[in-house]
PDB file of N, CA and C in Angstrom:
ATOM      1  N   VAL A   1      36.135  39.514  18.758  1.00  0.00           N
ATOM      2  CA  VAL A   1      36.862  38.814  19.824  1.00  0.00           C
ATOM      3  C   VAL A   1      36.530  39.507  21.135  1.00  0.00           C
ATOM      4  N   GLN A   2      35.847  38.805  22.035  1.00  0.00           N
ATOM      5  CA  GLN A   2      35.500  39.447  23.289  1.00  0.00           C
ATOM      6  C   GLN A   2      35.075  38.445  24.344  1.00  0.00           C
ATOM      7  N   LEU A   3      35.137  38.918  25.588  1.00  0.00           N
ATOM      8  CA  LEU A   3      34.605  38.209  26.743  1.00  0.00           C
ATOM      9  C   LEU A   3      33.558  39.112  27.373  1.00  0.00           C
ATOM     10  N   VAL A   4      32.399  38.565  27.665  1.00  0.00           N
ATOM     11  CA  VAL A   4      31.325  39.366  28.244  1.00  0.00           C
ATOM     12  C   VAL A   4      30.843  38.710  29.528  1.00  0.00           C
ATOM     13  N   GLU A   5      31.028  39.415  30.644  1.00  0.00           N
ATOM     14  CA  GLU A   5      30.600  38.908  31.947  1.00  0.00           C
ATOM     15  C   GLU A   5      29.183  39.357  32.245  1.00  0.00           C
ATOM     16  N   SER A   6      28.507  38.571  33.061  1.00  0.00           N
ATOM     17  CA  SER A   6      27.182  38.934  33.551  1.00  0.00           C
ATOM     18  C   SER A   6      26.937  38.210  34.863  1.00  0.00           C
ATOM     19  N   GLY A   7      25.855  38.614  35.554  1.00  0.00           N
ATOM     20  CA  GLY A   7      25.468  37.916  36.767  1.00  0.00           C
ATOM     21  C   GLY A   7      25.788  38.657  38.052  1.00  0.00           C
ATOM     22  N   GLY A   8      26.472  39.782  37.958  1.00  0.00           N
ATOM     23  CA  GLY A   8      26.775  40.537  39.156  1.00  0.00           C
ATOM     24  C   GLY A   8      25.531  41.204  39.710  1.00  0.00           C
ATOM     25  N   GLY A   9      25.673  41.781  40.893  1.00  0.00           N
ATOM     26  CA  GLY A   9      24.556  42.468  41.505  1.00  0.00           C
ATOM     27  C   GLY A   9      24.794  42.719  42.969  1.00  0.00           C
ATOM     28  N   LEU A  10      23.723  43.061  43.661  1.00  0.00           N
ATOM     29  CA  LEU A  10      23.759  43.343  45.094  1.00  0.00           C
ATOM     30  C   LEU A  10      23.186  42.146  45.848  1.00  0.00           C
ATOM     31  N   VAL A  11      23.911  41.679  46.837  1.00  0.00           N
ATOM     32  CA  VAL A  11      23.467  40.525  47.617  1.00  0.00           C
ATOM     33  C   VAL A  11      23.855  40.743  49.074  1.00  0.00           C
ATOM     34  N   GLN A  12      23.078  40.175  49.963  1.00  0.00           N
ATOM     35  CA  GLN A  12      23.398  40.266  51.383  1.00  0.00           C
ATOM     36  C   GLN A  12      24.504  39.289  51.750  1.00  0.00           C
ATOM     37  N   ALA A  13      25.233  39.622  52.786  1.00  0.00           N
ATOM     38  CA  ALA A  13      26.271  38.715  53.285  1.00  0.00           C
ATOM     39  C   ALA A  13      25.664  37.346  53.571  1.00  0.00           C
ATOM     40  N   GLY A  14      26.399  36.315  53.177  1.00  0.00           N
ATOM     41  CA  GLY A  14      25.910  34.957  53.332  1.00  0.00           C
ATOM     42  C   GLY A  14      25.191  34.418  52.114  1.00  0.00           C
ATOM     43  N   GLY A  15      24.882  35.293  51.188  1.00  0.00           N
ATOM     44  CA  GLY A  15      24.168  34.897  49.982  1.00  0.00           C
ATOM     45  C   GLY A  15      25.080  34.351  48.903  1.00  0.00           C
ATOM     46  N   SER A  16      24.475  34.069  47.746  1.00  0.00           N
ATOM     47  CA  SER A  16      25.206  33.480  46.626  1.00  0.00           C
ATOM     48  C   SER A  16      24.922  34.248  45.339  1.00  0.00           C
ATOM     49  N   LEU A  17      25.868  34.187  44.438  1.00  0.00           N
ATOM     50  CA  LEU A  17      25.712  34.700  43.083  1.00  0.00           C
ATOM     51  C   LEU A  17      26.466  33.783  42.145  1.00  0.00           C
ATOM     52  N   LYS A  18      26.004  33.719  40.909  1.00  0.00           N
ATOM     53  CA  LYS A  18      26.731  32.956  39.890  1.00  0.00           C
ATOM     54  C   LYS A  18      27.031  33.881  38.726  1.00  0.00           C
ATOM     55  N   LEU A  19      28.302  34.069  38.460  1.00  0.00           N
ATOM     56  CA  LEU A  19      28.746  34.891  37.343  1.00  0.00           C
ATOM     57  C   LEU A  19      28.952  34.022  36.111  1.00  0.00           C
ATOM     58  N   SER A  20      28.710  34.613  34.958  1.00  0.00           N
ATOM     59  CA  SER A  20      28.945  33.943  33.687  1.00  0.00           C
ATOM     60  C   SER A  20      29.846  34.818  32.824  1.00  0.00           C
ATOM     61  N   CYS A  21      30.609  34.167  31.978  1.00  0.00           N
ATOM     62  CA  CYS A  21      31.463  34.882  31.031  1.00  0.00           C
ATOM     63  C   CYS A  21      31.392  34.132  29.709  1.00  0.00           C
ATOM     64  N   VAL A  22      30.859  34.796  28.693  1.00  0.00           N
ATOM     65  CA  VAL A  22      30.719  34.188  27.378  1.00  0.00           C
ATOM     66  C   VAL A  22      31.834  34.690  26.473  1.00  0.00           C
ATOM     67  N   ALA A  23      32.523  33.750  25.856  1.00  0.00           N
ATOM     68  CA  ALA A  23      33.626  34.087  24.953  1.00  0.00           C
ATOM     69  C   ALA A  23      33.171  33.994  23.506  1.00  0.00           C
ATOM     70  N   SER A  24      33.638  34.920  22.699  1.00  0.00           N
ATOM     71  CA  SER A  24      33.357  34.859  21.265  1.00  0.00           C
ATOM     72  C   SER A  24      34.613  35.247  20.498  1.00  0.00           C
ATOM     73  N   GLY A  25      34.778  34.621  19.341  1.00  0.00           N
ATOM     74  CA  GLY A  25      35.917  34.958  18.488  1.00  0.00           C
ATOM     75  C   GLY A  25      37.223  34.332  18.881  1.00  0.00           C
ATOM     76  N   ILE A  26      37.203  33.425  19.868  1.00  0.00           N
ATOM     77  CA  ILE A  26      38.416  32.729  20.272  1.00  0.00           C
ATOM     78  C   ILE A  26      38.143  31.232  20.256  1.00  0.00           C
ATOM     79  N   ASN A  27      39.219  30.459  20.241  1.00  0.00           N
ATOM     80  CA  ASN A  27      39.080  29.013  20.363  1.00  0.00           C
ATOM     81  C   ASN A  27      38.985  28.693  21.853  1.00  0.00           C
ATOM     82  N   PHE A  28      37.749  28.713  22.356  1.00  0.00           N
ATOM     83  CA  PHE A  28      37.519  28.610  23.795  1.00  0.00           C
ATOM     84  C   PHE A  28      38.105  27.325  24.365  1.00  0.00           C
ATOM     85  N   ARG A  29      37.966  26.232  23.628  1.00  0.00           N
ATOM     86  CA  ARG A  29      38.418  24.933  24.148  1.00  0.00           C
ATOM     87  C   ARG A  29      39.920  24.895  24.400  1.00  0.00           C
ATOM     88  N   ASN A  30      40.675  25.756  23.732  1.00  0.00           N
ATOM     89  CA  ASN A  30      42.129  25.760  23.860  1.00  0.00           C
ATOM     90  C   ASN A  30      42.649  26.766  24.873  1.00  0.00           C
ATOM     91  N   ASN A  31      41.735  27.458  25.540  1.00  0.00           N
ATOM     92  CA  ASN A  31      42.144  28.511  26.456  1.00  0.00           C
ATOM     93  C   ASN A  31      41.851  28.161  27.901  1.00  0.00           C
ATOM     94  N   ALA A  32      42.883  28.261  28.748  1.00  0.00           N
ATOM     95  CA  ALA A  32      42.625  28.298  30.177  1.00  0.00           C
ATOM     96  C   ALA A  32      41.893  29.602  30.470  1.00  0.00           C
ATOM     97  N   MET A  33      41.045  29.556  31.475  1.00  0.00           N
ATOM     98  CA  MET A  33      40.256  30.740  31.817  1.00  0.00           C
ATOM     99  C   MET A  33      40.458  31.094  33.274  1.00  0.00           C
ATOM    100  N   ALA A  34      40.268  32.362  33.581  1.00  0.00           N
ATOM    101  CA  ALA A  34      40.462  32.821  34.952  1.00  0.00           C
ATOM    102  C   ALA A  34      39.451  33.902  35.297  1.00  0.00           C
ATOM    103  N   TRP A  35      39.171  33.991  36.576  1.00  0.00           N
ATOM    104  CA  TRP A  35      38.393  35.095  37.134  1.00  0.00           C
ATOM    105  C   TRP A  35      39.315  35.912  38.038  1.00  0.00           C
ATOM    106  N   TYR A  36      39.229  37.222  37.884  1.00  0.00           N
ATOM    107  CA  TYR A  36      39.939  38.166  38.739  1.00  0.00           C
ATOM    108  C   TYR A  36      38.916  39.115  39.356  1.00  0.00           C
ATOM    109  N   ARG A  37      39.348  39.839  40.352  1.00  0.00           N
ATOM    110  CA  ARG A  37      38.501  40.883  40.909  1.00  0.00           C
ATOM    111  C   ARG A  37      39.355  42.064  41.335  1.00  0.00           C
ATOM    112  N   GLN A  38      38.708  43.214  41.360  1.00  0.00           N
ATOM    113  CA  GLN A  38      39.398  44.422  41.801  1.00  0.00           C
ATOM    114  C   GLN A  38      38.430  45.302  42.569  1.00  0.00           C
ATOM    115  N   ALA A  39      38.789  45.557  43.813  1.00  0.00           N
ATOM    116  CA  ALA A  39      38.017  46.458  44.655  1.00  0.00           C
ATOM    117  C   ALA A  39      38.643  47.848  44.578  1.00  0.00           C
ATOM    118  N   PRO A  40      37.865  48.888  44.846  1.00  0.00           N
ATOM    119  CA  PRO A  40      38.401  50.260  44.786  1.00  0.00           C
ATOM    120  C   PRO A  40      39.630  50.414  45.672  1.00  0.00           C
ATOM    121  N   GLY A  41      40.689  50.967  45.094  1.00  0.00           N
ATOM    122  CA  GLY A  41      41.906  51.205  45.851  1.00  0.00           C
ATOM    123  C   GLY A  41      42.801  49.995  45.998  1.00  0.00           C
ATOM    124  N   ASN A  42      42.348  48.851  45.481  1.00  0.00           N
ATOM    125  CA  ASN A  42      43.132  47.610  45.605  1.00  0.00           C
ATOM    126  C   ASN A  42      43.677  47.173  44.249  1.00  0.00           C
ATOM    127  N   GLN A  43      44.712  46.343  44.317  1.00  0.00           N
ATOM    128  CA  GLN A  43      45.223  45.746  43.085  1.00  0.00           C
ATOM    129  C   GLN A  43      44.288  44.632  42.623  1.00  0.00           C
ATOM    130  N   ARG A  44      44.384  44.337  41.333  1.00  0.00           N
ATOM    131  CA  ARG A  44      43.597  43.236  40.797  1.00  0.00           C
ATOM    132  C   ARG A  44      44.067  41.922  41.434  1.00  0.00           C
ATOM    133  N   GLU A  45      43.117  41.099  41.826  1.00  0.00           N
ATOM    134  CA  GLU A  45      43.388  39.859  42.573  1.00  0.00           C
ATOM    135  C   GLU A  45      42.898  38.658  41.780  1.00  0.00           C
ATOM    136  N   LEU A  46      43.736  37.636  41.702  1.00  0.00           N
ATOM    137  CA  LEU A  46      43.324  36.391  41.043  1.00  0.00           C
ATOM    138  C   LEU A  46      42.364  35.633  41.948  1.00  0.00           C
ATOM    139  N   VAL A  47      41.204  35.286  41.421  1.00  0.00           N
ATOM    140  CA  VAL A  47      40.178  34.589  42.197  1.00  0.00           C
ATOM    141  C   VAL A  47      40.209  33.093  41.913  1.00  0.00           C
ATOM    142  N   ALA A  48      40.189  32.725  40.645  1.00  0.00           N
ATOM    143  CA  ALA A  48      40.130  31.309  40.289  1.00  0.00           C
ATOM    144  C   ALA A  48      40.616  31.110  38.861  1.00  0.00           C
ATOM    145  N   THR A  49      41.154  29.931  38.601  1.00  0.00           N
ATOM    146  CA  THR A  49      41.574  29.557  37.249  1.00  0.00           C
ATOM    147  C   THR A  49      41.068  28.162  36.924  1.00  0.00           C
ATOM    148  N   MET A  50      40.939  27.898  35.647  1.00  0.00           N
ATOM    149  CA  MET A  50      40.589  26.543  35.208  1.00  0.00           C
ATOM    150  C   MET A  50      41.335  26.247  33.925  1.00  0.00           C
ATOM    151  N   THR A  51      41.869  25.033  33.838  1.00  0.00           N
ATOM    152  CA  THR A  51      42.610  24.618  32.652  1.00  0.00           C
ATOM    153  C   THR A  51      41.688  24.527  31.443  1.00  0.00           C
ATOM    154  N   SER A  52      42.292  24.474  30.269  1.00  0.00           N
ATOM    155  CA  SER A  52      41.503  24.469  29.041  1.00  0.00           C
ATOM    156  C   SER A  52      40.546  23.287  28.968  1.00  0.00           C
ATOM    157  N   GLY A  53      40.987  22.141  29.472  1.00  0.00           N
ATOM    158  CA  GLY A  53      40.137  20.967  29.435  1.00  0.00           C
ATOM    159  C   GLY A  53      39.184  20.857  30.610  1.00  0.00           C
ATOM    160  N   GLY A  54      39.326  21.743  31.563  1.00  0.00           N
ATOM    161  CA  GLY A  54      38.439  21.730  32.712  1.00  0.00           C
ATOM    162  C   GLY A  54      38.799  20.721  33.786  1.00  0.00           C
ATOM    163  N   SER A  55      40.006  20.158  33.675  1.00  0.00           N
ATOM    164  CA  SER A  55      40.353  19.097  34.623  1.00  0.00           C
ATOM    165  C   SER A  55      40.917  19.617  35.936  1.00  0.00           C
ATOM    166  N   ARG A  56      41.374  20.863  35.935  1.00  0.00           N
ATOM    167  CA  ARG A  56      42.005  21.361  37.155  1.00  0.00           C
ATOM    168  C   ARG A  56      41.619  22.804  37.399  1.00  0.00           C
ATOM    169  N   ALA A  57      41.316  23.102  38.656  1.00  0.00           N
ATOM    170  CA  ALA A  57      40.975  24.460  39.070  1.00  0.00           C
ATOM    171  C   ALA A  57      41.875  24.864  40.225  1.00  0.00           C
ATOM    172  N   THR A  58      42.168  26.139  40.299  1.00  0.00           N
ATOM    173  CA  THR A  58      42.900  26.692  41.434  1.00  0.00           C
ATOM    174  C   THR A  58      42.137  27.909  41.942  1.00  0.00           C
ATOM    175  N   TYR A  59      42.345  28.220  43.218  1.00  0.00           N
ATOM    176  CA  TYR A  59      41.601  29.297  43.857  1.00  0.00           C
ATOM    177  C   TYR A  59      42.518  30.166  44.710  1.00  0.00           C
ATOM    178  N   GLY A  60      42.165  31.447  44.792  1.00  0.00           N
ATOM    179  CA  GLY A  60      42.839  32.315  45.726  1.00  0.00           C
ATOM    180  C   GLY A  60      42.496  31.919  47.153  1.00  0.00           C
ATOM    181  N   ASP A  61      43.410  32.179  48.066  1.00  0.00           N
ATOM    182  CA  ASP A  61      43.204  31.750  49.452  1.00  0.00           C
ATOM    183  C   ASP A  61      41.939  32.342  50.056  1.00  0.00           C
ATOM    184  N   SER A  62      41.613  33.557  49.671  1.00  0.00           N
ATOM    185  CA  SER A  62      40.471  34.239  50.281  1.00  0.00           C
ATOM    186  C   SER A  62      39.121  33.664  49.851  1.00  0.00           C
ATOM    187  N   VAL A  63      39.093  32.853  48.807  1.00  0.00           N
ATOM    188  CA  VAL A  63      37.813  32.330  48.314  1.00  0.00           C
ATOM    189  C   VAL A  63      37.729  30.806  48.348  1.00  0.00           C
ATOM    190  N   LYS A  64      38.802  30.144  48.748  1.00  0.00           N
ATOM    191  CA  LYS A  64      38.798  28.681  48.774  1.00  0.00           C
ATOM    192  C   LYS A  64      37.664  28.142  49.626  1.00  0.00           C
ATOM    193  N   GLY A  65      36.972  27.163  49.063  1.00  0.00           N
ATOM    194  CA  GLY A  65      35.869  26.541  49.777  1.00  0.00           C
ATOM    195  C   GLY A  65      34.552  27.283  49.651  1.00  0.00           C
ATOM    196  N   ARG A  66      34.572  28.491  49.074  1.00  0.00           N
ATOM    197  CA  ARG A  66      33.349  29.271  48.902  1.00  0.00           C
ATOM    198  C   ARG A  66      33.016  29.516  47.435  1.00  0.00           C
ATOM    199  N   PHE A  67      34.027  29.672  46.615  1.00  0.00           N
ATOM    200  CA  PHE A  67      33.841  29.966  45.192  1.00  0.00           C
ATOM    201  C   PHE A  67      34.237  28.728  44.382  1.00  0.00           C
ATOM    202  N   PHE A  68      33.532  28.550  43.250  1.00  0.00           N
ATOM    203  CA  PHE A  68      33.811  27.398  42.397  1.00  0.00           C
ATOM    204  C   PHE A  68      33.726  27.811  40.931  1.00  0.00           C
ATOM    205  N   ILE A  69      34.773  27.498  40.195  1.00  0.00           N
ATOM    206  CA  ILE A  69      34.836  27.826  38.778  1.00  0.00           C
ATOM    207  C   ILE A  69      34.468  26.592  37.965  1.00  0.00           C
ATOM    208  N   SER A  70      33.763  26.814  36.870  1.00  0.00           N
ATOM    209  CA  SER A  70      33.415  25.724  35.963  1.00  0.00           C
ATOM    210  C   SER A  70      33.331  26.290  34.551  1.00  0.00           C
ATOM    211  N   ARG A  71      33.262  25.399  33.573  1.00  0.00           N
ATOM    212  CA  ARG A  71      33.182  25.858  32.189  1.00  0.00           C
ATOM    213  C   ARG A  71      32.339  24.904  31.375  1.00  0.00           C
ATOM    214  N   ASN A  72      31.720  25.446  30.348  1.00  0.00           N
ATOM    215  CA  ASN A  72      30.919  24.660  29.417  1.00  0.00           C
ATOM    216  C   ASN A  72      31.395  25.019  28.011  1.00  0.00           C
ATOM    217  N   SER A  73      32.163  24.133  27.419  1.00  0.00           N
ATOM    218  CA  SER A  73      32.747  24.439  26.112  1.00  0.00           C
ATOM    219  C   SER A  73      31.704  24.479  25.011  1.00  0.00           C
ATOM    220  N   ALA A  74      30.588  23.780  25.208  1.00  0.00           N
ATOM    221  CA  ALA A  74      29.525  23.819  24.201  1.00  0.00           C
ATOM    222  C   ALA A  74      28.922  25.215  24.099  1.00  0.00           C
ATOM    223  N   TRP A  75      28.981  25.958  25.206  1.00  0.00           N
ATOM    224  CA  TRP A  75      28.414  27.306  25.248  1.00  0.00           C
ATOM    225  C   TRP A  75      29.485  28.390  25.300  1.00  0.00           C
ATOM    226  N   ASN A  76      30.773  27.992  25.193  1.00  0.00           N
ATOM    227  CA  ASN A  76      31.876  28.956  25.272  1.00  0.00           C
ATOM    228  C   ASN A  76      31.760  29.838  26.508  1.00  0.00           C
ATOM    229  N   THR A  77      31.426  29.200  27.623  1.00  0.00           N
ATOM    230  CA  THR A  77      31.125  29.959  28.832  1.00  0.00           C
ATOM    231  C   THR A  77      31.910  29.430  30.016  1.00  0.00           C
ATOM    232  N   VAL A  78      32.404  30.344  30.825  1.00  0.00           N
ATOM    233  CA  VAL A  78      33.012  29.995  32.102  1.00  0.00           C
ATOM    234  C   VAL A  78      32.178  30.648  33.199  1.00  0.00           C
ATOM    235  N   TYR A  79      32.041  29.938  34.292  1.00  0.00           N
ATOM    236  CA  TYR A  79      31.181  30.379  35.395  1.00  0.00           C
ATOM    237  C   TYR A  79      31.994  30.551  36.670  1.00  0.00           C
ATOM    238  N   LEU A  80      31.456  31.358  37.570  1.00  0.00           N
ATOM    239  CA  LEU A  80      32.004  31.457  38.918  1.00  0.00           C
ATOM    240  C   LEU A  80      30.831  31.431  39.889  1.00  0.00           C
ATOM    241  N   GLN A  81      30.690  30.312  40.583  1.00  0.00           N
ATOM    242  CA  GLN A  81      29.673  30.186  41.618  1.00  0.00           C
ATOM    243  C   GLN A  81      30.267  30.721  42.911  1.00  0.00           C
ATOM    244  N   MET A  82      29.615  31.711  43.488  1.00  0.00           N
ATOM    245  CA  MET A  82      30.116  32.359  44.694  1.00  0.00           C
ATOM    246  C   MET A  82      29.117  32.139  45.823  1.00  0.00           C
ATOM    247  N   ASN A  83      29.553  31.455  46.854  1.00  0.00           N
ATOM    248  CA  ASN A  83      28.700  31.148  48.002  1.00  0.00           C
ATOM    249  C   ASN A  83      29.248  31.801  49.257  1.00  0.00           C
ATOM    250  N   SER A  84      28.407  31.894  50.266  1.00  0.00           N
ATOM    251  CA  SER A  84      28.816  32.469  51.563  1.00  0.00           C
ATOM    252  C   SER A  84      29.531  33.796  51.365  1.00  0.00           C
ATOM    253  N   LEU A  85      28.921  34.652  50.584  1.00  0.00           N
ATOM    254  CA  LEU A  85      29.562  35.916  50.234  1.00  0.00           C
ATOM    255  C   LEU A  85      29.748  36.806  51.455  1.00  0.00           C
ATOM    256  N   LYS A  86      30.847  37.549  51.431  1.00  0.00           N
ATOM    257  CA  LYS A  86      31.209  38.454  52.518  1.00  0.00           C
ATOM    258  C   LYS A  86      31.331  39.872  51.953  1.00  0.00           C
ATOM    259  N   PRO A  87      31.185  40.876  52.785  1.00  0.00           N
ATOM    260  CA  PRO A  87      31.349  42.257  52.297  1.00  0.00           C
ATOM    261  C   PRO A  87      32.699  42.478  51.620  1.00  0.00           C
ATOM    262  N   GLU A  88      33.721  41.784  52.075  1.00  0.00           N
ATOM    263  CA  GLU A  88      35.046  41.962  51.463  1.00  0.00           C
ATOM    264  C   GLU A  88      35.155  41.326  50.082  1.00  0.00           C
ATOM    265  N   ASP A  89      34.126  40.628  49.646  1.00  0.00           N
ATOM    266  CA  ASP A  89      34.085  40.108  48.278  1.00  0.00           C
ATOM    267  C   ASP A  89      33.599  41.170  47.285  1.00  0.00           C
ATOM    268  N   THR A  90      33.168  42.310  47.798  1.00  0.00           N
ATOM    269  CA  THR A  90      32.708  43.388  46.932  1.00  0.00           C
ATOM    270  C   THR A  90      33.832  43.855  46.013  1.00  0.00           C
ATOM    271  N   ALA A  91      33.573  43.826  44.714  1.00  0.00           N
ATOM    272  CA  ALA A  91      34.595  44.180  43.722  1.00  0.00           C
ATOM    273  C   ALA A  91      33.968  44.106  42.332  1.00  0.00           C
ATOM    274  N   VAL A  92      34.714  44.566  41.356  1.00  0.00           N
ATOM    275  CA  VAL A  92      34.385  44.286  39.966  1.00  0.00           C
ATOM    276  C   VAL A  92      35.087  42.975  39.598  1.00  0.00           C
ATOM    277  N   TYR A  93      34.341  42.059  39.041  1.00  0.00           N
ATOM    278  CA  TYR A  93      34.856  40.735  38.683  1.00  0.00           C
ATOM    279  C   TYR A  93      35.056  40.670  37.174  1.00  0.00           C
ATOM    280  N   TYR A  94      36.228  40.183  36.792  1.00  0.00           N
ATOM    281  CA  TYR A  94      36.599  40.095  35.385  1.00  0.00           C
ATOM    282  C   TYR A  94      36.940  38.651  35.021  1.00  0.00           C
ATOM    283  N   CYS A  95      36.567  38.240  33.831  1.00  0.00           N
ATOM    284  CA  CYS A  95      37.109  36.987  33.322  1.00  0.00           C
ATOM    285  C   CYS A  95      38.199  37.308  32.308  1.00  0.00           C
ATOM    286  N   SER A  96      39.093  36.348  32.131  1.00  0.00           N
ATOM    287  CA  SER A  96      40.249  36.608  31.284  1.00  0.00           C
ATOM    288  C   SER A  96      40.836  35.308  30.771  1.00  0.00           C
ATOM    289  N   THR A  97      41.437  35.399  29.578  1.00  0.00           N
ATOM    290  CA  THR A  97      42.245  34.299  29.065  1.00  0.00           C
ATOM    291  C   THR A  97      43.701  34.502  29.439  1.00  0.00           C
ATOM    292  N   GLY A  98      43.994  35.607  30.084  1.00  0.00           N
ATOM    293  CA  GLY A  98      45.364  36.000  30.369  1.00  0.00           C
ATOM    294  C   GLY A  98      45.833  37.080  29.420  1.00  0.00           C
ATOM    295  N   ILE A  99      45.193  37.106  28.258  1.00  0.00           N
ATOM    296  CA  ILE A  99      45.499  38.151  27.274  1.00  0.00           C
ATOM    297  C   ILE A  99      44.260  39.003  27.033  1.00  0.00           C
ATOM    298  N   LEU A 100      43.156  38.336  26.838  1.00  0.00           N
ATOM    299  CA  LEU A 100      41.880  39.003  26.579  1.00  0.00           C
ATOM    300  C   LEU A 100      41.130  39.180  27.895  1.00  0.00           C
ATOM    301  N   TRP A 101      40.505  40.364  28.064  1.00  0.00           N
ATOM    302  CA  TRP A 101      39.769  40.676  29.292  1.00  0.00           C
ATOM    303  C   TRP A 101      38.356  41.113  28.957  1.00  0.00           C
ATOM    304  N   GLY A 102      37.424  40.758  29.858  1.00  0.00           N
ATOM    305  CA  GLY A 102      36.088  41.278  29.741  1.00  0.00           C
ATOM    306  C   GLY A 102      35.988  42.665  30.351  1.00  0.00           C
ATOM    307  N   GLN A 103      34.779  43.223  30.303  1.00  0.00           N
ATOM    308  CA  GLN A 103      34.575  44.575  30.807  1.00  0.00           C
ATOM    309  C   GLN A 103      34.309  44.592  32.308  1.00  0.00           C
ATOM    310  N   GLY A 104      34.012  43.438  32.865  1.00  0.00           N
ATOM    311  CA  GLY A 104      33.781  43.328  34.293  1.00  0.00           C
ATOM    312  C   GLY A 104      32.312  43.402  34.662  1.00  0.00           C
ATOM    313  N   THR A 105      31.985  42.828  35.808  1.00  0.00           N
ATOM    314  CA  THR A 105      30.642  42.891  36.361  1.00  0.00           C
ATOM    315  C   THR A 105      30.764  43.178  37.853  1.00  0.00           C
ATOM    316  N   GLN A 106      29.955  44.114  38.330  1.00  0.00           N
ATOM    317  CA  GLN A 106      30.050  44.568  39.721  1.00  0.00           C
ATOM    318  C   GLN A 106      29.333  43.603  40.658  1.00  0.00           C
ATOM    319  N   VAL A 107      30.016  43.231  41.719  1.00  0.00           N
ATOM    320  CA  VAL A 107      29.420  42.443  42.797  1.00  0.00           C
ATOM    321  C   VAL A 107      29.525  43.271  44.072  1.00  0.00           C
ATOM    322  N   THR A 108      28.387  43.482  44.705  1.00  0.00           N
ATOM    323  CA  THR A 108      28.346  44.240  45.954  1.00  0.00           C
ATOM    324  C   THR A 108      27.674  43.389  47.018  1.00  0.00           C
ATOM    325  N   VAL A 109      28.367  43.186  48.123  1.00  0.00           N
ATOM    326  CA  VAL A 109      27.856  42.378  49.216  1.00  0.00           C
ATOM    327  C   VAL A 109      27.618  43.285  50.412  1.00  0.00           C
ATOM    328  N   SER A 110      26.378  43.361  50.838  1.00  0.00           N
ATOM    329  CA  SER A 110      26.025  44.222  51.965  1.00  0.00           C
ATOM    330  C   SER A 110      26.089  43.434  53.271  1.00  0.00           C
ATOM    331  N   SER A 111      26.435  44.137  54.339  1.00  0.00           N
ATOM    332  CA  SER A 111      26.569  43.465  55.648  1.00  0.00           C
ATOM    333  C   SER A 111      25.258  43.500  56.405  1.00  0.00           C
TER     334      SER A 111
END
């Protein structure tokens, strides 16, 4: 039972990255999924959520209009497309079912 994130890296401000999170050992279709992030010295912040069926997404105020969450149940994968990245988006990004957490993937945005 695990969530494994990938796709993080170093990008210049204004650039884009797409994160992936592959779920195994869970009934992915029955789980709402979420992306969180945590920067050094900061509390963990909710970035985006998506319902189990994929019909509804919500976003944190700081990423609205720039980040987009999606999911592919055939691949047990949830994605986070991040556009117009800013240095303040630098953080470790985690996917979660609310109970199960991945190990995180580092995103660093240079100015």
